Protein backbone atom coordinates (compact mmCIF):
# COMPACT_ATOMS: atom_id res chain seq x y z
CA MET A 1 38.71 149.89 87.71
CA SER A 2 35.36 151.37 88.67
CA PRO A 3 35.08 153.25 91.96
CA PRO A 4 33.01 151.69 94.72
CA ASN A 5 29.32 152.35 94.18
CA SER A 6 27.82 155.03 96.37
CA SER A 7 25.28 152.47 97.55
CA ALA A 8 28.02 151.06 99.70
CA GLY A 9 27.85 154.20 101.78
CA ASN A 10 31.05 154.78 103.65
CA GLY A 11 31.90 151.11 103.29
CA GLY A 12 33.70 151.46 99.96
CA SER A 13 36.85 152.93 101.41
CA ARG A 14 36.72 150.44 104.31
CA PHE A 15 36.80 147.54 101.87
CA ASP A 16 39.39 148.89 99.40
CA ALA A 17 42.04 146.60 100.91
CA LEU A 18 40.01 143.67 99.57
CA ASP A 19 41.11 144.71 96.06
CA LEU A 20 44.58 143.45 96.95
CA LEU A 21 43.35 139.87 97.44
CA ALA A 22 43.86 137.26 94.77
CA THR A 23 40.44 135.73 95.55
CA MET A 24 36.94 136.89 94.62
CA VAL A 25 35.23 138.81 97.40
CA ALA A 26 31.78 140.33 97.82
CA VAL A 27 30.21 142.11 100.78
CA VAL A 28 26.49 141.34 100.80
CA ARG A 29 23.36 141.96 102.78
CA PRO A 30 21.43 138.93 104.13
CA ASP A 31 19.20 139.01 101.02
CA GLY A 32 22.28 138.64 98.77
CA ARG A 33 22.35 142.20 97.49
CA MET A 34 25.95 143.17 96.85
CA LEU A 35 27.36 146.24 98.62
CA PHE A 36 30.95 145.80 97.49
CA VAL A 37 32.85 143.57 95.09
CA ASN A 38 36.61 143.46 94.66
CA ALA A 39 38.69 143.70 91.51
CA MET A 40 39.18 139.94 91.16
CA LEU A 41 35.42 139.32 91.08
CA GLU A 42 35.11 142.08 88.47
CA ASP A 43 37.79 140.38 86.37
CA VAL A 44 36.24 136.91 86.56
CA ALA A 45 32.73 138.17 85.85
CA GLY A 46 33.87 140.46 83.06
CA LEU A 47 31.60 143.23 84.34
CA SER A 48 32.25 146.54 86.06
CA ARG A 49 31.89 146.89 89.79
CA ARG A 50 28.93 149.21 89.32
CA SER A 51 27.12 146.68 87.14
CA LEU A 52 27.78 143.84 89.57
CA MET A 53 26.50 145.79 92.52
CA ARG A 54 23.14 146.27 90.86
CA GLY A 55 22.63 142.52 91.10
CA ASN A 56 22.30 139.76 93.65
CA LEU A 57 25.14 137.37 94.49
CA PHE A 58 22.70 134.47 94.86
CA ASP A 59 21.87 134.74 91.13
CA TRP A 60 25.46 133.93 90.22
CA PHE A 61 25.34 130.46 91.75
CA VAL A 62 23.97 127.39 89.96
CA ASP A 63 22.39 126.21 93.22
CA PRO A 64 22.14 129.18 95.60
CA ARG A 65 20.39 127.37 98.45
CA GLN A 66 23.49 126.58 100.50
CA LEU A 67 24.88 130.09 100.04
CA ARG A 68 21.52 131.60 100.98
CA GLU A 69 21.28 129.46 104.14
CA THR A 70 24.89 130.12 105.16
CA VAL A 71 24.60 133.88 104.66
CA ASP A 72 21.39 133.85 106.67
CA SER A 73 22.98 131.87 109.52
CA VAL A 74 26.06 134.11 109.63
CA SER A 75 24.05 137.32 109.51
CA ARG A 76 21.92 136.13 112.47
CA ASN A 77 25.06 135.22 114.46
CA GLU A 78 24.14 131.54 114.54
CA ILE A 79 27.62 130.77 113.21
CA SER A 80 30.65 133.01 112.70
CA THR A 81 31.97 131.30 109.56
CA GLY A 82 30.62 128.86 107.03
CA ARG A 83 32.45 126.94 104.29
CA PHE A 84 31.23 124.88 101.38
CA ASP A 85 31.99 124.09 97.73
CA GLY A 86 29.72 125.53 95.07
CA THR A 87 29.51 126.34 91.38
CA LEU A 88 29.65 129.93 90.17
CA ARG A 89 28.36 131.08 86.81
CA ARG A 90 30.64 133.43 84.82
CA ALA A 91 27.44 135.31 83.90
CA PRO A 92 24.26 135.37 85.99
CA VAL A 93 22.09 133.75 83.32
CA ALA A 94 24.72 131.49 81.73
CA ALA A 95 24.21 127.75 82.04
CA HIS A 96 27.70 127.10 80.65
CA GLU A 97 31.12 128.53 81.60
CA LEU A 98 30.78 127.26 85.16
CA LEU A 99 33.45 127.81 87.77
CA PRO A 100 33.83 125.45 90.76
CA VAL A 101 34.65 127.49 93.86
CA HIS A 102 35.27 127.06 97.57
CA VAL A 103 33.09 129.58 99.42
CA ILE A 104 33.88 131.12 102.80
CA VAL A 105 31.16 133.18 104.46
CA THR A 106 32.32 135.33 107.39
CA GLN A 107 30.84 137.84 109.82
CA ILE A 108 31.98 141.44 109.69
CA ASP A 109 30.97 144.32 111.95
CA HIS A 110 27.67 145.99 111.25
CA HIS A 111 27.60 149.39 109.59
CA GLY A 112 24.26 150.77 108.51
CA GLY A 113 22.74 147.28 108.41
CA GLU A 114 23.96 143.71 108.46
CA ARG A 115 26.85 142.87 106.18
CA VAL A 116 28.46 139.53 105.41
CA LEU A 117 31.76 138.85 103.67
CA VAL A 118 31.69 136.15 100.99
CA GLU A 119 35.04 134.97 99.68
CA MET A 120 35.22 132.63 96.67
CA LEU A 121 38.37 130.69 95.78
CA GLU A 122 38.64 128.95 92.43
CA ILE A 123 39.22 125.33 93.29
CA GLU A 124 41.56 124.98 90.31
CA GLN A 125 43.45 128.10 91.40
CA GLN A 126 43.74 126.74 94.93
CA THR A 127 45.18 123.51 93.58
CA LYS A 128 47.58 125.52 91.42
CA GLN A 129 48.71 127.62 94.38
CA ASP A 130 49.34 124.49 96.43
CA ARG A 131 51.37 123.06 93.55
CA GLU A 132 53.41 126.27 93.22
CA GLU A 133 54.11 126.32 96.96
CA ARG A 134 55.31 122.73 96.85
CA ALA A 135 57.46 123.53 93.80
CA LEU A 136 58.97 126.57 95.53
CA GLY A 137 59.77 124.49 98.59
CA GLN A 138 61.31 121.83 96.39
CA VAL A 139 63.44 124.48 94.63
CA GLN A 140 64.75 125.76 97.95
CA ALA A 141 65.56 122.22 99.05
CA ASN A 142 67.26 121.55 95.72
CA LYS A 143 69.38 124.68 96.09
CA GLU A 144 70.69 123.59 99.47
CA LEU A 145 71.29 120.05 98.24
CA ILE A 146 73.13 121.24 95.12
CA ARG A 147 75.23 123.76 97.02
CA ASN A 148 76.28 121.23 99.68
CA LEU A 149 76.88 118.44 97.19
CA ALA A 150 78.92 120.67 94.87
CA HIS A 151 81.19 121.80 97.69
CA GLU A 152 81.64 118.21 98.87
CA ILE A 153 82.65 117.18 95.34
CA LYS A 154 85.03 120.06 94.69
CA ASN A 155 87.62 119.27 97.37
CA PRO A 156 88.32 115.60 96.54
CA LEU A 157 88.05 116.42 92.84
CA GLY A 158 90.88 118.93 93.11
CA GLY A 159 92.96 116.32 94.94
CA ILE A 160 92.35 113.70 92.26
CA ARG A 161 93.35 116.10 89.47
CA GLY A 162 96.45 117.23 91.29
CA ALA A 163 97.55 113.66 92.00
CA ALA A 164 97.03 112.72 88.32
CA GLN A 165 99.18 115.67 87.23
CA LEU A 166 102.00 114.67 89.62
CA LEU A 167 101.75 111.06 88.49
CA ALA A 168 101.98 112.11 84.83
CA MET A 169 105.24 113.91 85.54
CA ASP A 170 106.88 110.72 86.88
CA ILE A 171 105.56 108.28 84.28
CA GLU A 172 107.66 107.63 81.21
CA SER A 173 105.29 105.20 79.51
CA LYS A 174 103.19 106.98 76.86
CA GLU A 175 100.35 104.48 77.36
CA LEU A 176 100.18 105.14 81.10
CA THR A 177 100.38 108.89 80.48
CA GLU A 178 97.26 108.61 78.36
CA TYR A 179 95.45 107.15 81.40
CA THR A 180 96.48 110.09 83.57
CA GLN A 181 95.23 112.46 80.87
CA VAL A 182 91.87 110.69 80.95
CA ILE A 183 91.73 111.25 84.73
CA ILE A 184 92.60 114.93 84.31
CA HIS A 185 90.09 115.40 81.47
CA GLU A 186 87.24 113.75 83.39
CA ALA A 187 88.12 115.73 86.55
CA ASP A 188 87.90 118.94 84.47
CA ARG A 189 84.54 117.85 83.08
CA LEU A 190 83.20 117.23 86.57
CA GLN A 191 84.60 120.56 87.70
CA ALA A 192 82.72 122.30 84.88
CA LEU A 193 79.53 120.51 85.94
CA VAL A 194 80.02 121.62 89.56
CA ASP A 195 80.65 125.19 88.40
CA ARG A 196 77.37 125.12 86.48
CA LEU A 197 75.57 123.85 89.59
CA LEU A 198 76.97 126.69 91.66
CA ALA A 199 76.63 129.40 88.98
CA PRO A 200 73.21 130.78 90.09
CA HIS A 201 74.45 131.16 93.68
CA ARG A 202 77.76 132.79 92.81
CA ARG A 203 76.79 135.34 90.19
CA PRO A 204 75.37 138.61 91.52
CA HIS A 205 71.92 139.71 90.40
CA VAL A 206 72.66 142.62 88.01
CA VAL A 207 69.51 144.72 87.71
CA SER A 208 68.81 147.10 84.84
CA ASP A 209 65.96 147.97 82.46
CA VAL A 210 65.07 144.89 80.39
CA ASN A 211 63.28 144.79 77.05
CA ILE A 212 61.93 141.25 76.73
CA HIS A 213 62.01 141.40 72.94
CA GLU A 214 65.72 142.15 72.94
CA VAL A 215 66.10 139.05 75.11
CA CYS A 216 64.02 137.00 72.64
CA GLU A 217 65.93 138.29 69.60
CA ARG A 218 69.25 137.43 71.22
CA VAL A 219 68.03 133.89 71.94
CA ARG A 220 66.62 133.57 68.42
CA SER A 221 69.92 134.53 66.81
CA LEU A 222 71.86 132.06 68.99
CA ILE A 223 69.47 129.19 68.22
CA LEU A 224 69.50 129.84 64.46
CA ALA A 225 73.30 130.07 64.46
CA GLU A 226 73.56 126.62 66.03
CA PHE A 227 70.68 125.04 64.08
CA PRO A 228 70.73 126.76 60.67
CA ARG A 229 68.87 124.12 58.66
CA GLY A 230 65.34 122.77 58.96
CA LEU A 231 64.33 124.97 61.88
CA ALA A 232 62.13 128.09 61.82
CA VAL A 233 62.10 130.31 64.90
CA LYS A 234 58.98 132.45 64.60
CA ARG A 235 58.03 135.57 66.52
CA SER A 236 54.67 136.70 67.86
CA TYR A 237 55.41 139.81 69.91
CA ASP A 238 53.18 142.26 71.74
CA THR A 239 55.27 145.40 71.25
CA SER A 240 53.26 147.32 73.87
CA ILE A 241 54.92 145.36 76.70
CA PRO A 242 56.92 147.88 78.79
CA GLU A 243 60.47 147.47 80.01
CA PHE A 244 60.91 146.17 83.52
CA ARG A 245 63.71 145.88 86.05
CA GLY A 246 65.64 142.64 85.85
CA ASP A 247 68.87 140.84 85.07
CA ARG A 248 69.09 140.73 81.27
CA GLU A 249 71.82 138.08 81.12
CA GLN A 250 69.96 135.77 83.48
CA LEU A 251 66.78 136.06 81.42
CA ILE A 252 68.66 135.39 78.19
CA GLN A 253 70.14 132.27 79.77
CA ALA A 254 66.75 131.11 81.06
CA VAL A 255 65.00 131.52 77.69
CA LEU A 256 68.01 130.09 75.82
CA ASN A 257 68.05 126.98 78.00
CA ILE A 258 64.39 126.28 77.22
CA ALA A 259 64.70 127.08 73.51
CA HIS A 260 67.89 125.02 73.20
CA ASN A 261 66.19 122.01 74.79
CA ALA A 262 63.33 122.47 72.32
CA ALA A 263 65.73 122.63 69.35
CA GLN A 264 67.51 119.46 70.43
CA ALA A 265 64.16 117.68 70.76
CA LEU A 266 63.29 118.70 67.17
CA ALA A 267 66.09 116.69 65.49
CA GLU A 268 63.66 114.51 63.50
CA ARG A 269 61.55 117.47 62.48
CA MET A 270 64.67 119.34 61.35
CA ALA A 271 65.59 116.41 59.13
CA ALA A 272 62.09 116.66 57.61
CA GLY A 273 62.47 120.44 57.30
CA ASP A 274 59.39 121.43 59.32
CA ALA A 275 60.79 122.03 62.84
CA GLN A 276 59.35 125.12 64.48
CA ILE A 277 59.85 127.15 67.65
CA VAL A 278 57.59 130.14 68.42
CA LEU A 279 58.53 132.94 70.79
CA ARG A 280 55.27 134.58 71.86
CA THR A 281 54.89 137.55 74.24
CA ARG A 282 51.63 138.81 75.74
CA VAL A 283 50.43 140.93 78.66
CA ALA A 284 48.40 139.10 81.30
CA ARG A 285 46.16 140.92 83.76
CA GLN A 286 45.30 140.13 87.38
CA VAL A 287 47.88 137.35 87.65
CA THR A 288 48.49 135.39 90.83
CA ILE A 289 52.00 134.05 91.41
CA GLY A 290 52.27 132.05 94.59
CA LYS A 291 49.89 133.91 96.89
CA GLN A 292 50.62 137.37 95.51
CA ARG A 293 48.43 139.09 92.96
CA PHE A 294 49.84 141.38 90.28
CA ARG A 295 47.89 143.80 88.14
CA LEU A 296 50.04 143.19 85.06
CA ALA A 297 52.50 140.47 84.10
CA LEU A 298 54.55 139.45 81.11
CA GLU A 299 53.75 136.08 79.57
CA LEU A 300 56.47 134.61 77.37
CA HIS A 301 55.61 131.35 75.62
CA ILE A 302 58.32 129.16 74.07
CA GLU A 303 56.42 126.71 71.89
CA ASP A 304 57.71 123.85 69.73
CA ASN A 305 56.20 121.15 67.54
CA GLY A 306 58.44 118.36 68.82
CA PRO A 307 57.60 114.97 70.33
CA GLY A 308 56.78 116.39 73.77
CA VAL A 309 58.30 115.86 77.20
CA PRO A 310 58.41 112.17 78.17
CA GLU A 311 55.42 111.45 80.39
CA ASP A 312 57.50 109.75 83.09
CA ILE A 313 59.49 112.93 83.82
CA ARG A 314 56.90 115.69 83.21
CA ASP A 315 56.40 116.29 86.91
CA ARG A 316 60.16 116.40 87.53
CA ILE A 317 61.60 118.32 84.61
CA PHE A 318 62.66 121.26 86.79
CA PHE A 319 64.50 119.02 89.25
CA PRO A 320 68.30 119.01 88.94
CA LEU A 321 69.95 116.21 86.95
CA VAL A 322 66.63 115.09 85.41
CA SER A 323 66.89 114.94 81.62
CA GLY A 324 64.79 113.42 78.88
CA ARG A 325 67.75 113.29 76.48
CA ASP A 326 70.70 110.91 76.46
CA GLY A 327 73.81 112.85 77.41
CA GLY A 328 71.86 115.78 78.87
CA SER A 329 73.06 117.24 82.17
CA GLY A 330 69.56 117.93 83.48
CA LEU A 331 70.59 121.43 84.61
CA GLY A 332 69.17 123.69 81.89
CA LEU A 333 65.59 123.85 83.18
CA THR A 334 66.70 123.93 86.81
CA LEU A 335 68.80 127.04 86.11
CA ALA A 336 66.00 128.59 84.03
CA GLN A 337 63.56 128.15 86.93
CA THR A 338 66.05 129.64 89.41
CA PHE A 339 66.66 132.71 87.23
CA VAL A 340 62.94 133.31 86.63
CA GLN A 341 62.10 132.92 90.32
CA GLN A 342 64.73 135.55 91.10
CA HIS A 343 62.47 137.89 89.09
CA GLN A 344 59.43 136.97 91.25
CA GLY A 345 58.20 134.89 88.31
CA MET A 346 57.32 131.30 87.55
CA ILE A 347 57.64 128.76 84.75
CA GLU A 348 54.96 126.26 83.74
CA CYS A 349 55.07 123.52 81.14
CA ASP A 350 52.23 121.99 79.14
CA SER A 351 53.33 119.19 76.84
CA GLU A 352 51.81 116.61 74.56
CA PRO A 353 53.11 114.88 71.42
CA GLY A 354 53.35 117.52 68.69
CA GLN A 355 53.29 120.54 70.97
CA THR A 356 55.20 121.66 74.06
CA VAL A 357 54.67 125.09 75.60
CA PHE A 358 56.85 126.57 78.31
CA ARG A 359 55.18 129.64 79.86
CA ILE A 360 57.31 132.18 81.72
CA VAL A 361 55.33 134.71 83.80
CA ILE A 362 57.10 137.77 85.28
CA PRO A 363 55.37 140.72 87.03
CA LEU A 364 55.39 144.07 85.21
CA PRO A 365 55.52 147.50 86.85
């Protein structure tokens, strides 16, 4: 990251905190000349801070009139803040690669001349953040619902099983004994389901150094052991990814749940002999998760060439007990999301017939 340009005077150090923001920020003079730009604007523009500060912010907008008028009004204290939607170029002379943004122009104190703060939020990013916040709130609500429901089920379930066992001891008829065994078996099955619902809340978070490729290799071996014919599990690893602190077993379970769902969805492709799952790791830079920005993050993609997630459940696949497969419990993705969120991460899904990609993002040190 380039140091603040000396043309910012003493303002560079004053504005260093703006580098922590997940939005694009520029401090400009009333004529649009940039005195400071933050790291996010550098990243989006693909230019160094020093190069950006030799230019004019107005030149980066497709139609700069509203920005020019708002900056002028704010700098003359006619208004304290102005907001509008505009279109930002990714390069000052580019007519393509346009970026819709919401612009906030704000007064700041004067220091060696008038200065105005211009903050630009990607409209798509804002929508994504809103969606992530809603998803996080839904996850918390689901946790409470699951925990309360599971505890409410456990007590009567134990009573039913115990009564069936006592009844079996007093029944001499073999046929009737078979019925009590059905009750006991089904009670045990429900108990196992309840235990799976409660598992993320019971098990302590065991933190150690995690190598994501060891996690992937473990998942790969388990999937190939269960589905030995007609399925290829390919690797595309970035071996430069560093270790990070996390719960190895939780991450194995999260990746395994996703990969196992993918393998089950590939039954027809396996019969044809061309089923494929790809485990792909990459480093992402300047990643925003929720409202927090991280300099580096791990991106793990689990890709398959199956039929895709049914359209009617795509928005609900991480909800508990929602499954696109007959006989599925609908818990695998819910648990995967819980485990990834415990690592400050997130999971996204992009699916269409012929390709489904689950993207796990976890911050790196």
